[in-house]
Amino acid sequence: MHRFAFCMTLILTLFAPRGDAAAQSMQCAPRAQLLDQLGKVGQQRRALGLAGQAVMELYTANRSSRWTITVTMPDGKMCLLAHGNSFEALDEIFPAQGVRS
């Protein structure tokens, strides 16, 4: 799971919001409000990482394959970056592009 968190952090660093304009285009709310909503659908934090000055977090539900990726800004505002179904935690290393296993 640590490798997954590292990979997600690396990917999200490339797409991390760069300011207020980016945050306004995403669904954002006070952190406590979104955490309450995630809790109501049974999602719990499974991984986190830094994405610039923001904190990226991955939430998943134990009883379903639902997942959500959030970004919390330095001002405490939390934004929904992505969500979906069919989450599966993997503990494998993907080969670098051009490397055959």
N, C-alpha and C. Protein backbone atom coordinates (compact mmCIF):
# COMPACT_ATOMS: atom_id res chain seq x y z
N MET A 1 0.82 -1.19 0.00
CA MET A 1 0.00 0.00 0.00
C MET A 1 0.87 1.25 0.00
N HIS A 2 2.06 1.19 0.59
CA HIS A 2 2.93 2.37 0.61
C HIS A 2 3.37 2.73 -0.80
N ARG A 3 3.62 1.74 -1.63
CA ARG A 3 4.00 2.01 -3.02
C ARG A 3 2.86 2.69 -3.76
N PHE A 4 1.64 2.25 -3.49
CA PHE A 4 0.47 2.85 -4.13
C PHE A 4 0.37 4.32 -3.74
N ALA A 5 0.54 4.61 -2.47
CA ALA A 5 0.46 5.99 -2.00
C ALA A 5 1.54 6.84 -2.66
N PHE A 6 2.75 6.30 -2.78
CA PHE A 6 3.83 7.03 -3.43
C PHE A 6 3.49 7.31 -4.89
N CYS A 7 2.99 6.31 -5.59
CA CYS A 7 2.63 6.50 -7.00
C CYS A 7 1.52 7.53 -7.16
N MET A 8 0.50 7.46 -6.28
CA MET A 8 -0.59 8.42 -6.36
C MET A 8 -0.08 9.84 -6.08
N THR A 9 0.82 9.97 -5.12
CA THR A 9 1.37 11.29 -4.81
C THR A 9 2.14 11.82 -6.00
N LEU A 10 2.93 10.98 -6.62
CA LEU A 10 3.70 11.40 -7.79
C LEU A 10 2.77 11.85 -8.91
N ILE A 11 1.75 11.09 -9.19
CA ILE A 11 0.80 11.44 -10.25
C ILE A 11 0.06 12.73 -9.90
N LEU A 12 -0.42 12.83 -8.67
CA LEU A 12 -1.20 14.00 -8.29
C LEU A 12 -0.36 15.27 -8.20
N THR A 13 0.93 15.13 -7.99
CA THR A 13 1.80 16.30 -7.99
C THR A 13 1.75 16.98 -9.35
N LEU A 14 1.63 16.18 -10.39
CA LEU A 14 1.55 16.74 -11.73
C LEU A 14 0.23 17.47 -11.96
N PHE A 15 -0.82 17.04 -11.26
CA PHE A 15 -2.15 17.61 -11.46
C PHE A 15 -2.63 18.42 -10.27
N ALA A 16 -1.76 18.69 -9.32
CA ALA A 16 -2.17 19.41 -8.10
C ALA A 16 -2.69 20.80 -8.45
N PRO A 17 -3.74 21.21 -7.79
CA PRO A 17 -4.25 22.57 -8.01
C PRO A 17 -3.17 23.60 -7.72
N ARG A 18 -3.11 24.61 -8.54
CA ARG A 18 -2.07 25.62 -8.41
C ARG A 18 -2.57 26.92 -7.78
N GLY A 19 -3.85 26.99 -7.44
CA GLY A 19 -4.35 28.22 -6.85
C GLY A 19 -5.85 28.20 -6.71
N ASP A 20 -6.39 29.34 -6.37
CA ASP A 20 -7.82 29.45 -6.12
C ASP A 20 -8.68 29.11 -7.33
N ALA A 21 -8.24 29.45 -8.54
CA ALA A 21 -9.03 29.17 -9.74
C ALA A 21 -9.23 27.67 -9.91
N ALA A 22 -8.18 26.89 -9.67
CA ALA A 22 -8.29 25.43 -9.79
C ALA A 22 -9.22 24.89 -8.71
N ALA A 23 -9.12 25.41 -7.51
CA ALA A 23 -9.97 24.93 -6.42
C ALA A 23 -11.44 25.24 -6.70
N GLN A 24 -11.73 26.36 -7.35
CA GLN A 24 -13.11 26.71 -7.62
C GLN A 24 -13.74 25.81 -8.66
N SER A 25 -12.95 25.18 -9.54
CA SER A 25 -13.50 24.30 -10.55
C SER A 25 -13.80 22.91 -9.99
N MET A 26 -13.29 22.59 -8.81
CA MET A 26 -13.55 21.31 -8.16
C MET A 26 -14.64 21.51 -7.12
N GLN A 27 -15.22 20.39 -6.66
CA GLN A 27 -16.20 20.46 -5.57
C GLN A 27 -15.43 20.58 -4.27
N CYS A 28 -15.52 21.73 -3.63
CA CYS A 28 -14.78 22.00 -2.40
C CYS A 28 -15.73 22.41 -1.29
N ALA A 29 -15.32 22.11 -0.07
CA ALA A 29 -16.10 22.47 1.12
C ALA A 29 -15.17 22.43 2.31
N PRO A 30 -15.64 22.90 3.46
CA PRO A 30 -14.82 22.74 4.66
C PRO A 30 -14.50 21.26 4.89
N ARG A 31 -13.29 20.97 5.33
CA ARG A 31 -12.82 19.60 5.49
C ARG A 31 -13.78 18.76 6.34
N ALA A 32 -14.24 19.30 7.45
CA ALA A 32 -15.13 18.54 8.33
C ALA A 32 -16.41 18.12 7.62
N GLN A 33 -16.92 18.98 6.77
CA GLN A 33 -18.16 18.68 6.04
C GLN A 33 -17.94 17.52 5.07
N LEU A 34 -16.86 17.53 4.32
CA LEU A 34 -16.61 16.44 3.37
C LEU A 34 -16.27 15.14 4.09
N LEU A 35 -15.52 15.23 5.21
CA LEU A 35 -15.22 14.02 5.97
C LEU A 35 -16.50 13.38 6.50
N ASP A 36 -17.45 14.20 6.90
CA ASP A 36 -18.74 13.69 7.35
C ASP A 36 -19.45 12.94 6.22
N GLN A 37 -19.43 13.52 5.02
CA GLN A 37 -20.07 12.88 3.87
C GLN A 37 -19.38 11.57 3.51
N LEU A 38 -18.06 11.55 3.54
CA LEU A 38 -17.33 10.32 3.23
C LEU A 38 -17.65 9.25 4.28
N GLY A 39 -17.75 9.65 5.53
CA GLY A 39 -18.08 8.70 6.59
C GLY A 39 -19.47 8.11 6.43
N LYS A 40 -20.40 8.90 5.94
CA LYS A 40 -21.77 8.43 5.75
C LYS A 40 -21.85 7.33 4.69
N VAL A 41 -20.92 7.31 3.75
CA VAL A 41 -20.92 6.25 2.73
C VAL A 41 -19.87 5.18 3.06
N GLY A 42 -19.35 5.21 4.29
CA GLY A 42 -18.46 4.16 4.76
C GLY A 42 -17.03 4.24 4.28
N GLN A 43 -16.62 5.40 3.77
CA GLN A 43 -15.25 5.51 3.29
C GLN A 43 -14.33 6.00 4.40
N GLN A 44 -13.14 5.37 4.45
CA GLN A 44 -12.12 5.72 5.43
C GLN A 44 -10.81 5.99 4.71
N ARG A 45 -9.97 6.82 5.32
CA ARG A 45 -8.69 7.15 4.70
C ARG A 45 -7.77 5.94 4.67
N ARG A 46 -7.19 5.68 3.51
CA ARG A 46 -6.29 4.55 3.31
C ARG A 46 -4.87 4.96 2.96
N ALA A 47 -4.72 6.16 2.40
CA ALA A 47 -3.38 6.61 2.00
C ALA A 47 -3.37 8.13 1.95
N LEU A 48 -2.20 8.70 2.10
CA LEU A 48 -2.07 10.14 1.97
C LEU A 48 -0.68 10.48 1.46
N GLY A 49 -0.55 11.69 0.95
CA GLY A 49 0.73 12.16 0.47
C GLY A 49 0.67 13.65 0.21
N LEU A 50 1.82 14.27 0.10
CA LEU A 50 1.89 15.69 -0.20
C LEU A 50 1.83 15.90 -1.70
N ALA A 51 1.07 16.89 -2.11
CA ALA A 51 0.97 17.29 -3.52
C ALA A 51 1.22 18.79 -3.55
N GLY A 52 2.47 19.17 -3.65
CA GLY A 52 2.82 20.58 -3.51
C GLY A 52 2.61 20.96 -2.06
N GLN A 53 1.84 22.01 -1.81
CA GLN A 53 1.53 22.41 -0.43
C GLN A 53 0.20 21.83 0.04
N ALA A 54 -0.43 21.04 -0.78
CA ALA A 54 -1.70 20.42 -0.43
C ALA A 54 -1.46 18.98 0.03
N VAL A 55 -2.48 18.40 0.66
CA VAL A 55 -2.41 17.01 1.10
C VAL A 55 -3.42 16.21 0.30
N MET A 56 -2.93 15.18 -0.40
CA MET A 56 -3.78 14.28 -1.17
C MET A 56 -4.12 13.10 -0.27
N GLU A 57 -5.40 12.69 -0.29
CA GLU A 57 -5.82 11.53 0.50
C GLU A 57 -6.69 10.62 -0.34
N LEU A 58 -6.54 9.33 -0.10
CA LEU A 58 -7.36 8.32 -0.77
C LEU A 58 -8.27 7.70 0.27
N TYR A 59 -9.56 7.69 -0.02
CA TYR A 59 -10.57 7.09 0.85
C TYR A 59 -11.22 5.94 0.11
N THR A 60 -11.44 4.82 0.81
CA THR A 60 -12.14 3.69 0.22
C THR A 60 -13.12 3.13 1.25
N ALA A 61 -14.09 2.38 0.75
CA ALA A 61 -15.08 1.74 1.61
C ALA A 61 -14.75 0.27 1.73
N ASN A 62 -14.85 -0.27 2.94
CA ASN A 62 -14.57 -1.69 3.17
C ASN A 62 -15.57 -2.60 2.48
N ARG A 63 -16.83 -2.21 2.47
CA ARG A 63 -17.88 -3.10 1.99
C ARG A 63 -18.27 -2.89 0.55
N SER A 64 -17.59 -1.98 -0.12
CA SER A 64 -17.85 -1.77 -1.54
C SER A 64 -16.52 -1.40 -2.18
N SER A 65 -16.54 -1.24 -3.46
CA SER A 65 -15.31 -0.89 -4.16
C SER A 65 -15.26 0.61 -4.48
N ARG A 66 -16.05 1.42 -3.76
CA ARG A 66 -16.08 2.87 -3.98
C ARG A 66 -14.79 3.50 -3.46
N TRP A 67 -14.32 4.51 -4.17
CA TRP A 67 -13.12 5.23 -3.75
C TRP A 67 -13.27 6.71 -4.06
N THR A 68 -12.51 7.52 -3.32
CA THR A 68 -12.50 8.97 -3.50
C THR A 68 -11.09 9.48 -3.25
N ILE A 69 -10.63 10.38 -4.10
CA ILE A 69 -9.35 11.06 -3.89
C ILE A 69 -9.66 12.52 -3.61
N THR A 70 -9.12 13.02 -2.50
CA THR A 70 -9.34 14.41 -2.11
C THR A 70 -8.01 15.15 -2.05
N VAL A 71 -8.11 16.46 -2.10
CA VAL A 71 -6.95 17.33 -1.88
C VAL A 71 -7.39 18.37 -0.86
N THR A 72 -6.61 18.51 0.21
CA THR A 72 -6.88 19.53 1.21
C THR A 72 -5.86 20.65 1.03
N MET A 73 -6.38 21.85 0.84
CA MET A 73 -5.55 23.03 0.59
C MET A 73 -4.98 23.57 1.90
N PRO A 74 -3.94 24.38 1.81
CA PRO A 74 -3.35 24.96 3.03
C PRO A 74 -4.35 25.75 3.87
N ASP A 75 -5.40 26.29 3.25
CA ASP A 75 -6.39 27.06 4.01
C ASP A 75 -7.43 26.18 4.70
N GLY A 76 -7.30 24.84 4.57
CA GLY A 76 -8.21 23.91 5.22
C GLY A 76 -9.39 23.48 4.38
N LYS A 77 -9.52 24.04 3.20
CA LYS A 77 -10.61 23.65 2.31
C LYS A 77 -10.25 22.31 1.66
N MET A 78 -11.21 21.39 1.63
CA MET A 78 -11.00 20.07 1.02
C MET A 78 -11.76 20.01 -0.29
N CYS A 79 -11.11 19.47 -1.32
CA CYS A 79 -11.72 19.38 -2.64
C CYS A 79 -11.73 17.93 -3.10
N LEU A 80 -12.83 17.54 -3.77
CA LEU A 80 -12.93 16.21 -4.36
C LEU A 80 -12.22 16.24 -5.70
N LEU A 81 -11.19 15.44 -5.84
CA LEU A 81 -10.42 15.40 -7.07
C LEU A 81 -10.95 14.34 -8.03
N ALA A 82 -11.28 13.18 -7.50
CA ALA A 82 -11.78 12.08 -8.33
C ALA A 82 -12.50 11.08 -7.44
N HIS A 83 -13.42 10.32 -8.04
CA HIS A 83 -14.10 9.25 -7.31
C HIS A 83 -14.58 8.22 -8.31
N GLY A 84 -14.86 7.03 -7.82
CA GLY A 84 -15.33 5.99 -8.72
C GLY A 84 -15.58 4.68 -8.02
N ASN A 85 -15.63 3.64 -8.81
CA ASN A 85 -15.89 2.29 -8.33
C ASN A 85 -14.76 1.37 -8.76
N SER A 86 -14.85 0.13 -8.34
CA SER A 86 -13.91 -0.93 -8.71
C SER A 86 -12.51 -0.69 -8.18
N PHE A 87 -12.41 -0.15 -6.95
CA PHE A 87 -11.10 0.02 -6.31
C PHE A 87 -10.57 -1.34 -5.88
N GLU A 88 -9.30 -1.55 -6.11
CA GLU A 88 -8.63 -2.76 -5.66
C GLU A 88 -7.22 -2.39 -5.25
N ALA A 89 -6.88 -2.64 -4.00
CA ALA A 89 -5.53 -2.34 -3.51
C ALA A 89 -4.57 -3.41 -4.04
N LEU A 90 -3.47 -2.97 -4.60
CA LEU A 90 -2.46 -3.88 -5.13
C LEU A 90 -1.14 -3.63 -4.43
N ASP A 91 -0.39 -4.67 -4.23
CA ASP A 91 0.94 -4.54 -3.66
C ASP A 91 1.92 -5.12 -4.67
N GLU A 92 2.04 -4.42 -5.78
CA GLU A 92 2.94 -4.87 -6.82
C GLU A 92 3.66 -3.67 -7.42
N ILE A 93 4.82 -3.92 -7.96
CA ILE A 93 5.59 -2.87 -8.59
C ILE A 93 5.39 -2.98 -10.09
N PHE A 94 4.94 -1.88 -10.69
CA PHE A 94 4.76 -1.85 -12.13
C PHE A 94 6.11 -1.56 -12.79
N PRO A 95 6.43 -2.23 -13.88
CA PRO A 95 7.72 -1.96 -14.52
C PRO A 95 7.71 -0.56 -15.17
N ALA A 96 8.88 0.04 -15.19
CA ALA A 96 9.02 1.33 -15.87
C ALA A 96 8.74 1.15 -17.34
N GLN A 97 8.32 2.22 -18.01
CA GLN A 97 8.01 2.15 -19.42
C GLN A 97 9.24 1.68 -20.19
N GLY A 98 9.05 0.73 -21.06
CA GLY A 98 10.16 0.21 -21.87
C GLY A 98 10.90 -0.94 -21.21
N VAL A 99 10.57 -1.27 -19.97
CA VAL A 99 11.23 -2.37 -19.26
C VAL A 99 10.29 -3.57 -19.29
N ARG A 100 10.82 -4.69 -19.72
CA ARG A 100 10.00 -5.91 -19.77
C ARG A 100 10.32 -6.77 -18.57
N SER A 101 9.27 -7.37 -18.03
CA SER A 101 9.49 -8.24 -16.86
C SER A 101 9.52 -9.69 -17.28
